[in-house]
Amino acid sequence: MTRRLVATYLILAAVVLVALEVPLGVVNERNQRRDLQQRVERDAVALAALVEDTLQAGAQPGDPTLRGIVRGYGASTGARVVVVGPGGRALADSDDERELGRDFSTRPEIATALDGAVATGIRRSDTLGTDLLYVAVPVASGGTVHGAVRASVPTSRLDALVQRYWLILGGVALVVLASVAVAGLWVARWVSRPLTDLRDATRRAGGGDLSARADAEVGPDEVREVAHALNDMIGRLDGLVGTQEKFVADASHQLRSPLTALRLRIENLQHDADAATRDDLDGALGEVERLSRLVDGLLALARAERRAHERAPQDVGALVRERADAWRAAAAERDVELAARAPSGLVAALAPGALEQVLDNLVANAVAVAPPGSEVRLSAAREDGAIVVAVSDAGPGMPAADRDRAFDRFWRGREDRAGSGLGLAIVRSLVEADEGTVRLEEADGGGLRAVVRLPARDRP
């Protein structure tokens, strides 16, 4: 954001500088050329007045008076002066290397001057390799043209002055842009830092860290107002979530006691009941146990996302092997073999106990549906910058439509009558709180494969 703001300031400053300096440079160049032309024209008129009497007296090429006038002017100004007679032949030239007597009548500016008008312009001199500004004025008296004077100066000096002025404007522009960049960087940081802090606080709160707060004491007034509003919103949300958690925890605690008492009463009644009554009591006891699991699941689901901000790097391979060892005895009771393949060094940022609970749910489901003599496989590996944890069984599997709905809350499969419908919903909440994904897919050779993908960390 800081770079974009500074770039915007620089673009605006550059547009303003171009709008101001380009016309200024163009006007300066035009004025410089006009001043030079007027100065040369005044000099040419003055020269014409000086040589008028000499031309009127019928001067010839090489006349000493004319030569002295043009040489003096040329030496003092660096200009070249040519004086021609009424027929256009050169009578005097400030350049001693030029031949006198040459016919200049074919030159447009000389022809115009001999017709009694002033001619000015710029033309290219291939001999000098530069442009020349020339002025040709007639030498006349009493309506009779006695000749003409042409003064020409190289525009190289003028071009150098114009270029120097453009360079000065460019230097001014660079200084202004540098000043704008420095000031703009300060302003951009003053504005963007509070916004960045707001963004970070919002992301932390969205990730479950409701203790996050934005700094509401820095930045413009509008940003501080937004920070205050965000902090108030997070505070109220924290209170609401805390109240919900407290309610769920209190409700779970209060429900556990009567459920435990109810279970004990049913178990006591089972000892004295007849066979028919015992079947009903067994069904009631099963419903009590399912209700207990439902209460525990609701509590776990409510707390799942609140632990996201406590994430820390953990060795996924070690956790997979640990849970496999913990479940191996329970699987053996059902004549199911539990195999784990999880190398060390697979590090991911996880909330405390989250992956363990995910694995417990997935392994419990897999062991429950695995036929006797089959194998439940746990694996962990690195794939495309992520850590993939998989639990596979050789059970009856699940239709594709049911696999899509399996993670919905309170959804149970066609054959699942004892479950609470919250196990896989808890799994998804825990995995997503750790910025991962989970899905069910058909296992090779039949059965179901639960796949958890977690962002990998380079090192713990």
Protein backbone atom coordinates (compact mmCIF):
# COMPACT_ATOMS: atom_id res chain seq x y z
CA MET A 1 0.00 0.00 0.00
CA THR A 2 2.87 2.38 0.83
CA ARG A 3 4.40 1.88 -2.61
CA ARG A 4 1.07 2.54 -4.32
CA LEU A 5 0.51 5.76 -2.37
CA VAL A 6 4.04 7.03 -3.08
CA ALA A 7 3.66 6.10 -6.76
CA THR A 8 0.37 8.04 -6.87
CA TYR A 9 2.00 11.11 -5.32
CA LEU A 10 4.90 10.92 -7.79
CA ILE A 11 2.58 10.53 -10.78
CA LEU A 12 0.50 13.53 -9.72
CA ALA A 13 3.63 15.60 -9.10
CA ALA A 14 5.07 14.55 -12.47
CA VAL A 15 1.85 15.53 -14.26
CA VAL A 16 1.87 18.95 -12.57
CA LEU A 17 5.57 19.47 -13.39
CA VAL A 18 5.06 18.53 -17.05
CA ALA A 19 2.04 20.86 -17.26
CA LEU A 20 4.12 23.73 -15.81
CA GLU A 21 7.65 23.18 -17.10
CA VAL A 22 7.02 22.12 -20.71
CA PRO A 23 5.15 25.35 -21.59
CA LEU A 24 7.78 27.30 -19.65
CA GLY A 25 10.59 25.68 -21.62
CA VAL A 26 8.80 26.21 -24.94
CA VAL A 27 8.13 29.88 -24.15
CA ASN A 28 11.76 30.37 -23.10
CA GLU A 29 13.02 28.87 -26.37
CA ARG A 30 10.64 31.02 -28.38
CA ASN A 31 11.69 34.16 -26.49
CA GLN A 32 15.38 33.38 -26.89
CA ARG A 33 15.01 32.98 -30.65
CA ARG A 34 12.91 36.12 -30.91
CA ASP A 35 15.43 38.16 -28.88
CA LEU A 36 18.32 36.90 -31.02
CA GLN A 37 16.44 37.66 -34.21
CA GLN A 38 15.55 41.18 -33.04
CA ARG A 39 19.11 41.85 -31.95
CA VAL A 40 20.55 40.68 -35.27
CA GLU A 41 17.91 42.66 -37.15
CA ARG A 42 18.77 45.84 -35.24
CA ASP A 43 22.44 45.28 -35.95
CA ALA A 44 21.73 44.67 -39.62
CA VAL A 45 19.70 47.90 -39.85
CA ALA A 46 22.50 49.79 -38.11
CA LEU A 47 25.05 48.33 -40.53
CA ALA A 48 22.86 49.26 -43.45
CA ALA A 49 22.84 52.85 -42.23
CA LEU A 50 26.64 52.82 -41.90
CA VAL A 51 27.29 51.52 -45.42
CA GLU A 52 24.56 53.52 -47.14
CA ASP A 53 26.75 56.44 -48.21
CA THR A 54 29.53 54.14 -49.43
CA LEU A 55 27.12 52.07 -51.54
CA GLN A 56 25.43 55.19 -52.84
CA ALA A 57 28.84 56.42 -53.98
CA GLY A 58 29.28 53.27 -56.09
CA ALA A 59 31.59 51.13 -53.96
CA GLN A 60 33.49 48.26 -55.56
CA PRO A 61 34.38 44.80 -54.14
CA GLY A 62 37.09 45.12 -51.49
CA ASP A 63 36.23 48.71 -50.60
CA PRO A 64 38.28 49.48 -47.44
CA THR A 65 35.44 51.36 -45.73
CA LEU A 66 33.02 48.48 -46.15
CA ARG A 67 35.66 45.96 -45.19
CA GLY A 68 36.45 47.81 -41.97
CA ILE A 69 32.79 48.02 -40.97
CA VAL A 70 31.97 44.35 -41.55
CA ARG A 71 35.23 43.10 -40.01
CA GLY A 72 34.71 45.13 -36.86
CA TYR A 73 31.18 43.88 -36.42
CA GLY A 74 32.10 40.30 -37.14
CA ALA A 75 35.02 40.37 -34.70
CA SER A 76 32.93 41.83 -31.88
CA THR A 77 29.82 39.62 -32.31
CA GLY A 78 31.01 36.43 -34.03
CA ALA A 79 28.45 36.98 -36.75
CA ARG A 80 29.09 36.90 -40.46
CA VAL A 81 28.17 40.01 -42.45
CA VAL A 82 27.91 40.25 -46.24
CA VAL A 83 27.33 43.52 -48.09
CA VAL A 84 26.08 43.28 -51.68
CA GLY A 85 25.58 45.94 -54.34
CA PRO A 86 22.39 46.63 -56.27
CA GLY A 87 23.12 43.73 -58.61
CA GLY A 88 23.62 41.25 -55.81
CA ARG A 89 27.43 40.94 -56.06
CA ALA A 90 29.39 40.72 -52.79
CA LEU A 91 31.27 43.92 -52.05
CA ALA A 92 32.42 43.05 -48.50
CA ASP A 93 32.45 39.90 -46.33
CA SER A 94 33.48 39.61 -42.70
CA ASP A 95 34.87 36.16 -43.56
CA ASP A 96 38.19 36.95 -45.29
CA GLU A 97 38.31 33.48 -46.82
CA ARG A 98 35.23 34.15 -48.88
CA GLU A 99 35.70 35.38 -52.44
CA LEU A 100 34.38 38.87 -53.18
CA GLY A 101 32.35 39.62 -56.26
CA ARG A 102 30.27 36.45 -56.01
CA ASP A 103 26.67 36.72 -57.12
CA PHE A 104 24.22 36.50 -54.17
CA SER A 105 21.18 37.60 -56.12
CA THR A 106 19.92 34.03 -56.32
CA ARG A 107 19.72 33.75 -52.54
CA PRO A 108 16.07 34.19 -51.50
CA GLU A 109 16.86 36.49 -48.57
CA ILE A 110 19.14 38.72 -50.73
CA ALA A 111 16.54 38.86 -53.49
CA THR A 112 13.90 39.89 -50.93
CA ALA A 113 16.16 42.61 -49.50
CA LEU A 114 17.01 43.96 -52.97
CA ASP A 115 13.27 44.22 -53.55
CA GLY A 116 13.12 46.56 -50.54
CA ALA A 117 11.85 44.16 -47.84
CA VAL A 118 13.45 42.67 -44.72
CA ALA A 119 14.02 38.90 -44.84
CA THR A 120 14.58 36.77 -41.74
CA GLY A 121 14.75 33.02 -41.14
CA ILE A 122 16.79 29.99 -40.15
CA ARG A 123 18.52 27.66 -42.56
CA ARG A 124 20.96 24.78 -42.37
CA SER A 125 24.61 25.42 -43.19
CA ASP A 126 26.26 22.25 -44.42
CA THR A 127 29.62 24.00 -44.42
CA LEU A 128 29.44 24.92 -40.74
CA GLY A 129 27.37 21.91 -39.76
CA THR A 130 24.87 24.01 -37.83
CA ASP A 131 21.75 26.12 -38.28
CA LEU A 132 22.12 29.84 -39.07
CA LEU A 133 19.76 32.63 -38.16
CA TYR A 134 19.96 35.29 -40.86
CA VAL A 135 18.56 38.79 -41.41
CA ALA A 136 18.82 40.60 -44.74
CA VAL A 137 17.88 44.30 -44.89
CA PRO A 138 17.89 46.63 -47.88
CA VAL A 139 20.24 49.63 -48.10
CA ALA A 140 18.05 52.33 -49.61
CA SER A 141 17.59 56.06 -49.72
CA GLY A 142 15.05 58.19 -51.53
CA GLY A 143 13.19 55.06 -52.65
CA THR A 144 16.24 53.65 -54.41
CA VAL A 145 17.83 50.39 -53.27
CA HIS A 146 21.61 50.66 -53.38
CA GLY A 147 22.30 47.18 -52.06
CA ALA A 148 21.68 44.91 -49.08
CA VAL A 149 23.27 43.78 -45.84
CA ARG A 150 22.92 40.20 -44.61
CA ALA A 151 23.93 39.28 -41.07
CA SER A 152 23.90 35.62 -39.97
CA VAL A 153 24.79 34.02 -36.65
CA PRO A 154 25.04 30.31 -35.72
CA THR A 155 22.22 29.11 -33.50
CA SER A 156 24.57 26.79 -31.59
CA ARG A 157 24.95 29.31 -28.78
CA LEU A 158 21.21 29.80 -28.69
CA ASP A 159 20.70 26.03 -28.68
CA ALA A 160 23.15 25.70 -25.81
CA LEU A 161 21.25 28.31 -23.80
CA VAL A 162 17.95 26.60 -24.53
CA GLN A 163 19.38 23.19 -23.62
CA ARG A 164 20.82 24.59 -20.41
CA TYR A 165 17.44 25.99 -19.50
CA TRP A 166 15.81 22.60 -20.16
CA LEU A 167 18.44 20.95 -17.97
CA ILE A 168 17.72 23.44 -15.20
CA LEU A 169 14.02 22.64 -15.47
CA GLY A 170 14.85 18.93 -15.41
CA GLY A 171 16.99 19.41 -12.30
CA VAL A 172 14.20 21.34 -10.62
CA ALA A 173 11.79 18.53 -11.51
CA LEU A 174 14.11 15.89 -10.03
CA VAL A 175 14.49 17.87 -6.82
CA VAL A 176 10.72 18.35 -6.59
CA LEU A 177 10.06 14.65 -7.29
CA ALA A 178 12.65 13.60 -4.70
CA SER A 179 11.03 15.93 -2.15
CA VAL A 180 7.60 14.58 -3.03
CA ALA A 181 8.91 11.01 -2.69
CA VAL A 182 10.32 11.70 0.78
CA ALA A 183 7.25 13.57 1.96
CA GLY A 184 4.94 11.08 0.27
CA LEU A 185 6.75 8.15 1.91
CA TRP A 186 6.27 9.73 5.31
CA VAL A 187 2.59 10.45 4.66
CA ALA A 188 2.03 7.00 3.14
CA ARG A 189 3.56 5.28 6.14
CA TRP A 190 1.57 7.48 8.48
CA VAL A 191 -1.60 6.38 6.69
CA SER A 192 -0.73 2.78 5.78
CA ARG A 193 0.76 1.57 9.06
CA PRO A 194 -2.52 1.92 10.98
CA LEU A 195 -4.35 0.28 8.05
CA THR A 196 -1.85 -2.58 8.03
CA ASP A 197 -2.34 -2.95 11.77
CA LEU A 198 -6.10 -3.00 11.19
CA ARG A 199 -5.70 -5.69 8.54
CA ASP A 200 -3.50 -7.84 10.79
CA ALA A 201 -5.88 -7.47 13.72
CA THR A 202 -8.82 -8.40 11.50
CA ARG A 203 -7.00 -11.48 10.19
CA ARG A 204 -6.06 -12.60 13.69
CA ALA A 205 -9.62 -12.13 14.89
CA GLY A 206 -10.93 -13.98 11.82
CA GLY A 207 -8.51 -16.80 12.61
CA GLY A 208 -10.00 -17.21 16.08
CA ASP A 209 -7.72 -14.97 18.15
CA LEU A 210 -10.34 -12.75 19.73
CA SER A 211 -7.73 -11.16 21.97
CA ALA A 212 -6.36 -9.28 18.93
CA ARG A 213 -6.73 -5.52 19.02
CA ALA A 214 -5.76 -2.73 16.60
CA ASP A 215 -3.78 0.32 17.74
CA ALA A 216 -6.39 3.05 17.89
CA GLU A 217 -3.98 5.83 18.88
CA VAL A 218 -2.08 6.32 15.60
CA GLY A 219 -2.95 7.47 12.10
CA PRO A 220 -5.60 9.86 10.75
CA ASP A 221 -8.78 10.46 12.70
CA GLU A 222 -10.85 8.34 10.31
CA VAL A 223 -8.50 5.36 10.67
CA ARG A 224 -8.50 5.69 14.46
CA GLU A 225 -12.30 5.71 14.45
CA VAL A 226 -12.31 2.51 12.40
CA ALA A 227 -9.76 0.96 14.78
CA HIS A 228 -11.95 1.86 17.78
CA ALA A 229 -14.98 0.37 16.03
CA LEU A 230 -13.06 -2.81 15.15
CA ASN A 231 -11.80 -3.21 18.71
CA ASP A 232 -15.31 -2.73 20.06
CA MET A 233 -16.69 -5.29 17.62
CA ILE A 234 -13.99 -7.86 18.47
CA GLY A 235 -14.58 -7.22 22.18
CA ARG A 236 -18.31 -7.80 21.84
CA LEU A 237 -17.71 -10.86 19.68
CA ASP A 238 -15.26 -12.21 22.25
CA GLY A 239 -17.87 -11.69 24.92
CA LEU A 240 -20.57 -13.43 22.87
CA VAL A 241 -18.34 -16.37 22.03
CA GLY A 242 -17.16 -16.60 25.61
CA THR A 243 -20.74 -16.57 26.79
CA GLN A 244 -21.62 -19.28 24.28
CA GLU A 245 -18.66 -21.41 25.34
CA LYS A 246 -19.51 -20.90 28.99
CA PHE A 247 -23.09 -21.86 28.30
CA VAL A 248 -22.07 -24.98 26.40
CA ALA A 249 -19.54 -25.91 29.07
CA ASP A 250 -22.04 -25.32 31.88
CA ALA A 251 -24.77 -27.17 29.99
CA SER A 252 -22.41 -30.07 29.30
CA HIS A 253 -21.34 -30.19 32.93
CA GLN A 254 -24.91 -30.01 34.18
CA LEU A 255 -26.05 -32.68 31.71
CA ARG A 256 -23.25 -35.09 32.54
CA SER A 257 -24.41 -35.57 36.13
CA PRO A 258 -28.04 -36.56 35.36
CA LEU A 259 -26.86 -38.65 32.40
CA THR A 260 -24.39 -40.48 34.62
CA ALA A 261 -27.08 -41.00 37.26
CA LEU A 262 -29.52 -42.19 34.61
CA ARG A 263 -26.94 -44.64 33.25
CA LEU A 264 -26.35 -46.04 36.75
CA ARG A 265 -30.09 -46.42 37.38
CA ILE A 266 -30.56 -48.25 34.10
CA GLU A 267 -27.60 -50.52 34.79
CA ASN A 268 -29.03 -51.31 38.26
CA LEU A 269 -32.41 -52.11 36.77
CA GLN A 270 -30.80 -54.46 34.25
CA HIS A 271 -29.81 -56.89 37.06
CA ASP A 272 -33.41 -57.51 38.20
CA ALA A 273 -35.19 -57.18 34.84
CA ASP A 274 -36.52 -60.02 32.73
CA ALA A 275 -35.30 -60.63 29.20
CA ALA A 276 -37.91 -58.46 27.47
CA THR A 277 -37.39 -55.58 29.86
CA ARG A 278 -33.61 -55.97 29.64
CA ASP A 279 -33.77 -55.40 25.86
CA ASP A 280 -35.63 -52.15 26.43
CA LEU A 281 -33.15 -51.12 29.09
CA ASP A 282 -30.26 -51.88 26.74
CA GLY A 283 -31.83 -49.61 24.14
CA ALA A 284 -32.32 -46.85 26.72
CA LEU A 285 -28.72 -47.23 27.88
CA GLY A 286 -27.55 -46.91 24.28
CA GLU A 287 -29.53 -43.69 23.87
CA VAL A 288 -28.01 -42.32 27.10
CA GLU A 289 -24.54 -43.10 25.82
CA ARG A 290 -25.33 -41.45 22.47
CA LEU A 291 -26.64 -38.38 24.28
CA SER A 292 -23.41 -38.25 26.31
CA ARG A 293 -21.35 -38.37 23.12
CA LEU A 294 -23.57 -35.66 21.63
CA VAL A 295 -22.93 -33.39 24.63
CA ASP A 296 -19.17 -33.98 24.42
CA GLY A 297 -19.23 -33.35 20.67
CA LEU A 298 -21.06 -30.05 21.03
CA LEU A 299 -18.51 -28.90 23.57
CA ALA A 300 -15.59 -29.92 21.35
CA LEU A 301 -17.18 -28.24 18.32
CA ALA A 302 -17.71 -24.97 20.19
CA ARG A 303 -14.09 -24.89 21.32
CA ALA A 304 -12.47 -26.00 18.05
CA GLU A 305 -11.99 -22.61 16.37
CA ARG A 306 -11.06 -20.84 19.61
CA ARG A 307 -7.78 -22.74 19.75
CA ALA A 308 -6.58 -21.63 16.30
CA HIS A 309 -4.52 -18.69 17.61
CA GLU A 310 -2.59 -21.08 19.89
CA ARG A 311 -1.03 -22.93 16.96
CA ALA A 312 2.60 -23.95 17.22
CA PRO A 313 4.94 -26.09 15.07
CA GLN A 314 4.51 -29.82 15.75
CA ASP A 315 5.91 -33.02 14.29
CA VAL A 316 2.98 -34.58 12.42
CA GLY A 317 4.75 -37.89 11.91
CA ALA A 318 5.32 -38.33 15.63
CA LEU A 319 1.67 -37.54 16.39
CA VAL A 320 0.45 -40.07 13.82
CA ARG A 321 2.68 -42.81 15.24
CA GLU A 322 1.58 -41.94 18.78
CA ARG A 323 -2.13 -42.19 18.01
CA ALA A 324 -1.57 -45.42 16.09
CA ASP A 325 0.08 -46.94 19.17
CA ALA A 326 -2.77 -45.70 21.37
CA TRP A 327 -5.44 -47.30 19.14
CA ARG A 328 -3.63 -50.53 18.33
CA ALA A 329 -5.01 -52.43 21.34
CA ALA A 330 -8.59 -51.29 20.69
CA ALA A 331 -8.29 -52.29 17.05
CA ALA A 332 -6.90 -55.70 18.02
CA GLU A 333 -10.05 -56.37 20.10
CA ARG A 334 -12.01 -56.16 16.85
CA ASP A 335 -9.44 -58.33 15.05
CA VAL A 336 -8.28 -55.31 13.02
CA GLU A 337 -4.61 -54.58 12.41
CA LEU A 338 -3.45 -50.96 12.70
CA ALA A 339 -0.45 -49.98 10.51
CA ALA A 340 1.27 -46.58 10.52
CA ARG A 341 3.77 -45.14 8.05
CA ALA A 342 4.77 -41.63 9.10
CA PRO A 343 8.38 -40.39 8.89
CA SER A 344 9.72 -37.70 11.21
CA GLY A 345 10.42 -34.16 10.09
CA LEU A 346 6.90 -33.41 8.82
CA VAL A 347 6.25 -30.13 10.63
CA ALA A 348 2.98 -28.17 10.61
CA ALA A 349 1.54 -25.37 12.74
CA LEU A 350 -1.23 -26.98 14.82
CA ALA A 351 -3.43 -26.06 17.74
CA PRO A 352 -2.68 -28.08 20.89
CA GLY A 353 -4.42 -31.45 20.77
CA ALA A 354 -6.22 -30.68 17.48
CA LEU A 355 -4.59 -33.27 15.23
CA GLU A 356 -4.79 -35.89 18.00
CA GLN A 357 -8.55 -35.38 18.23
CA VAL A 358 -8.86 -35.48 14.43
CA LEU A 359 -6.96 -38.76 14.27
CA ASP A 360 -8.98 -40.23 17.13
CA ASN A 361 -12.24 -39.50 15.29
CA LEU A 362 -11.00 -40.83 11.96
CA VAL A 363 -9.38 -43.96 13.42
CA ALA A 364 -12.46 -44.70 15.57
CA ASN A 365 -14.66 -44.51 12.46
CA ALA A 366 -12.26 -46.66 10.45
CA VAL A 367 -11.94 -49.35 13.13
CA ALA A 368 -15.72 -49.41 13.62
CA VAL A 369 -16.41 -50.24 9.95
CA ALA A 370 -13.34 -52.38 9.20
CA PRO A 371 -14.19 -56.09 8.83
CA PRO A 372 -12.36 -58.59 11.07
CA GLY A 373 -8.99 -59.59 9.70
CA SER A 374 -8.58 -56.37 7.72
CA GLU A 375 -6.13 -53.52 8.14
CA VAL A 376 -6.54 -49.83 8.94
CA ARG A 377 -3.64 -47.79 7.56
CA LEU A 378 -2.39 -44.44 8.84
CA SER A 379 0.09 -42.45 6.77
CA ALA A 380 1.72 -39.03 6.63
CA ALA A 381 3.82 -37.57 3.81
CA ARG A 382 4.84 -34.28 2.23
CA GLU A 383 3.14 -33.49 -1.10
CA ASP A 384 3.37 -30.21 -3.07
CA GLY A 385 4.27 -28.05 -0.09
CA ALA A 386 1.64 -29.61 2.17
CA ILE A 387 1.56 -32.45 4.70
CA VAL A 388 -1.00 -35.11 3.83
CA VAL A 389 -2.33 -37.34 6.62
CA ALA A 390 -4.55 -40.25 5.54
CA VAL A 391 -6.59 -42.90 7.33
CA SER A 392 -7.74 -45.81 5.14
CA ASP A 393 -9.99 -48.78 5.93
CA ALA A 394 -11.30 -51.81 4.07
CA GLY A 395 -14.90 -51.30 5.11
CA PRO A 396 -18.02 -51.02 2.96
CA GLY A 397 -17.14 -47.50 1.84
CA MET A 398 -19.60 -44.71 1.22
CA PRO A 399 -21.44 -43.45 -1.88
CA ALA A 400 -20.10 -40.25 -3.44
CA ALA A 401 -23.23 -38.29 -2.48
CA ASP A 402 -22.85 -39.35 1.16
CA ARG A 403 -19.14 -38.48 1.16
CA ASP A 404 -20.03 -34.90 0.24
CA ARG A 405 -22.47 -34.62 3.16
CA ALA A 406 -20.50 -36.58 5.74
CA PHE A 407 -19.00 -33.44 7.30
CA ASP A 408 -22.37 -31.76 7.89
CA ARG A 409 -23.40 -31.41 11.49
CA PHE A 410 -25.79 -34.07 12.82
CA TRP A 411 -25.64 -36.01 9.55
CA ARG A 412 -25.34 -39.77 9.96
CA GLY A 413 -24.91 -42.49 7.37
CA ARG A 414 -27.59 -45.05 6.57
CA GLU A 415 -25.94 -47.70 8.73
CA ASP A 416 -24.90 -45.35 11.55
CA ARG A 417 -27.53 -45.42 14.25
CA ALA A 418 -25.31 -44.99 17.28
CA GLY A 419 -23.26 -41.96 16.24
CA SER A 420 -23.97 -38.38 17.23
CA GLY A 421 -23.47 -36.94 13.75
CA LEU A 422 -20.80 -34.55 15.06
CA GLY A 423 -17.59 -36.55 14.73
CA LEU A 424 -16.66 -35.51 11.19
CA ALA A 425 -18.05 -32.01 11.74
CA ILE A 426 -15.59 -31.65 14.62
CA VAL A 427 -12.82 -33.02 12.38
CA ARG A 428 -13.53 -30.42 9.69
CA SER A 429 -13.67 -27.55 12.22
CA LEU A 430 -10.37 -28.58 13.78
CA VAL A 431 -8.63 -29.01 10.43
CA GLU A 432 -9.93 -25.75 8.97
CA ALA A 433 -8.90 -23.90 12.15
CA ASP A 434 -5.35 -25.08 11.34
CA GLU A 435 -5.78 -23.73 7.74
CA GLY A 436 -6.09 -27.22 6.32
CA THR A 437 -8.66 -29.24 4.37
CA VAL A 438 -10.21 -32.67 4.82
CA ARG A 439 -12.10 -34.92 2.40
CA LEU A 440 -13.31 -38.47 2.02
CA GLU A 441 -12.46 -40.53 -1.02
CA GLU A 442 -12.70 -44.11 -2.15
CA ALA A 443 -9.74 -46.20 -1.00
CA ASP A 444 -7.79 -48.47 -3.32
CA GLY A 445 -9.35 -51.92 -3.21
CA GLY A 446 -12.54 -50.66 -1.57
CA GLY A 447 -13.30 -48.94 1.67
CA LEU A 448 -12.90 -45.30 2.59
CA ARG A 449 -9.87 -43.01 2.78
CA ALA A 450 -9.97 -39.81 4.87
CA VAL A 451 -7.37 -37.30 3.64
CA VAL A 452 -6.23 -34.30 5.70
CA ARG A 453 -3.99 -31.65 4.06
CA LEU A 454 -2.11 -29.22 6.30
CA PRO A 455 0.28 -26.36 5.36
CA ALA A 456 3.86 -27.52 5.87
CA ARG A 457 6.47 -25.64 7.88
CA ASP A 458 10.16 -25.79 7.00
CA ARG A 459 11.31 -26.32 10.57
CA PRO A 460 9.80 -26.42 14.07
